[in-house]
Amino acid sequence: MHMSVLSAVQIAVTLALVGWMITGFTSLPGRWLRWKMFCRATFTIITLTGTTKDGHTESVNVYDHLSPGSFILGPPQLQTILDHLTASGRYERIDGAGRVLTARGEQHVEVRANRVVL
């Protein structure tokens, strides 16, 4: 009898945990499977080309300049990385295009002459 009570408790706790996890993925009533941590995050997907002082062009990966484990990159953080890359003398000019993804949807973003333009 003791084992069946334990199994019933385990099932009840498991169901309660699953219910709590499902509600944790909702950001607003009526919107399912939206994790609160990501519903307000801003993601930038962008392709950049850097021009060095001698005129050579190369691909620039801004994610190499984020702290380990970071992947959330908004326009202000992107601008900070661009400022660092140009101030350090690594690139004379950086240009590119991509998308910014937010809870409000998708928006086009460009980088022209080291400046982020939404």
Protein backbone atom coordinates (compact mmCIF):
# COMPACT_ATOMS: atom_id res chain seq x y z
CA MET A 1 0.00 0.00 0.00
CA HIS A 2 2.88 2.35 0.76
CA MET A 3 4.27 2.00 -2.81
CA SER A 4 0.91 2.85 -4.42
CA VAL A 5 0.63 6.00 -2.27
CA LEU A 6 4.14 6.98 -3.30
CA SER A 7 3.27 6.38 -6.95
CA ALA A 8 0.13 8.52 -6.61
CA VAL A 9 2.17 11.31 -5.02
CA GLN A 10 4.80 11.05 -7.74
CA ILE A 11 2.14 11.23 -10.45
CA ALA A 12 0.46 14.22 -8.80
CA VAL A 13 3.77 16.06 -8.40
CA THR A 14 4.74 15.24 -11.98
CA LEU A 15 1.41 16.52 -13.32
CA ALA A 16 1.71 19.68 -11.23
CA LEU A 17 5.25 20.24 -12.52
CA VAL A 18 4.16 19.70 -16.14
CA GLY A 19 1.27 22.14 -15.65
CA TRP A 20 3.59 24.72 -14.13
CA MET A 21 6.07 24.31 -17.02
CA ILE A 22 3.30 24.74 -19.63
CA THR A 23 2.11 27.97 -18.02
CA GLY A 24 5.75 29.12 -17.84
CA PHE A 25 5.87 28.98 -21.64
CA THR A 26 2.93 31.35 -22.04
CA SER A 27 3.60 35.06 -22.23
CA LEU A 28 0.02 36.30 -22.47
CA PRO A 29 -3.37 34.62 -22.05
CA GLY A 30 -4.26 32.78 -25.22
CA ARG A 31 -0.68 32.57 -26.49
CA TRP A 32 0.77 29.11 -25.92
CA LEU A 33 4.34 27.89 -25.94
CA ARG A 34 5.96 31.34 -25.67
CA TRP A 35 8.77 31.21 -23.16
CA LYS A 36 8.83 34.39 -21.07
CA MET A 37 12.60 34.58 -21.23
CA PHE A 38 12.59 34.94 -25.01
CA CYS A 39 9.35 36.84 -25.65
CA ARG A 40 11.04 40.16 -24.84
CA ALA A 41 14.48 39.36 -26.21
CA THR A 42 15.91 40.92 -29.36
CA PHE A 43 17.87 38.79 -31.79
CA THR A 44 19.90 40.13 -34.69
CA ILE A 45 20.79 37.95 -37.65
CA ILE A 46 23.20 39.86 -39.85
CA THR A 47 25.89 39.36 -42.47
CA LEU A 48 28.73 41.88 -42.26
CA THR A 49 31.69 42.70 -44.47
CA GLY A 50 34.65 44.59 -43.06
CA THR A 51 37.06 46.64 -45.14
CA THR A 52 40.61 46.82 -43.80
CA LYS A 53 42.89 49.85 -44.12
CA ASP A 54 44.62 48.34 -47.14
CA GLY A 55 41.28 47.87 -48.96
CA HIS A 56 40.79 44.14 -48.49
CA THR A 57 37.31 42.90 -47.54
CA GLU A 58 36.51 40.02 -45.24
CA SER A 59 33.52 38.57 -43.48
CA VAL A 60 32.94 39.83 -39.91
CA ASN A 61 31.40 37.55 -37.29
CA VAL A 62 30.07 39.75 -34.47
CA TYR A 63 29.19 36.69 -32.39
CA ASP A 64 32.92 36.06 -31.90
CA HIS A 65 32.95 39.26 -29.81
CA LEU A 66 30.10 38.31 -27.43
CA SER A 67 30.78 36.73 -24.08
CA PRO A 68 30.74 32.90 -24.11
CA GLY A 69 27.22 31.52 -24.09
CA SER A 70 25.65 34.77 -25.25
CA PHE A 71 23.51 34.79 -28.34
CA ILE A 72 21.08 37.66 -27.75
CA LEU A 73 22.29 40.60 -29.78
CA GLY A 74 20.25 43.77 -30.17
CA PRO A 75 21.06 46.85 -32.25
CA PRO A 76 22.73 48.73 -29.33
CA GLN A 77 25.04 45.78 -28.61
CA LEU A 78 25.77 45.43 -32.33
CA GLN A 79 26.70 49.11 -32.51
CA THR A 80 29.04 48.71 -29.53
CA ILE A 81 30.84 45.81 -31.21
CA LEU A 82 31.13 47.78 -34.47
CA ASP A 83 32.56 50.76 -32.58
CA HIS A 84 35.12 48.48 -30.91
CA LEU A 85 36.18 46.86 -34.19
CA THR A 86 36.68 50.20 -35.93
CA ALA A 87 38.28 51.96 -32.93
CA SER A 88 40.77 49.11 -32.55
CA GLY A 89 41.89 49.69 -36.13
CA ARG A 90 40.93 46.22 -37.27
CA TYR A 91 38.51 47.59 -39.88
CA GLU A 92 38.22 50.92 -41.62
CA ARG A 93 34.59 50.35 -42.58
CA ILE A 94 31.93 47.71 -41.85
CA ASP A 95 28.78 47.24 -43.94
CA GLY A 96 26.04 44.64 -44.03
CA ALA A 97 22.37 43.73 -43.87
CA GLY A 98 20.14 41.45 -41.87
CA ARG A 99 17.07 41.13 -39.67
CA VAL A 100 16.13 42.04 -36.12
CA LEU A 101 13.67 39.63 -34.47
CA THR A 102 11.58 40.82 -31.53
CA ALA A 103 8.25 40.01 -29.93
CA ARG A 104 6.72 42.62 -32.25
CA GLY A 105 7.97 40.79 -35.34
CA GLU A 106 10.78 41.02 -37.84
CA GLN A 107 12.46 44.22 -38.98
CA HIS A 108 15.13 44.89 -41.62
CA VAL A 109 18.46 46.24 -40.34
CA GLU A 110 21.45 47.58 -42.25
CA VAL A 111 24.96 48.57 -41.30
CA ARG A 112 26.27 51.44 -43.41
CA ALA A 113 29.71 52.88 -42.78
CA ASN A 114 29.93 51.41 -39.24
CA ARG A 115 26.45 52.62 -38.20
CA VAL A 116 23.40 50.47 -37.45
CA VAL A 117 20.36 51.69 -39.40
CA LEU A 118 16.91 50.27 -38.66
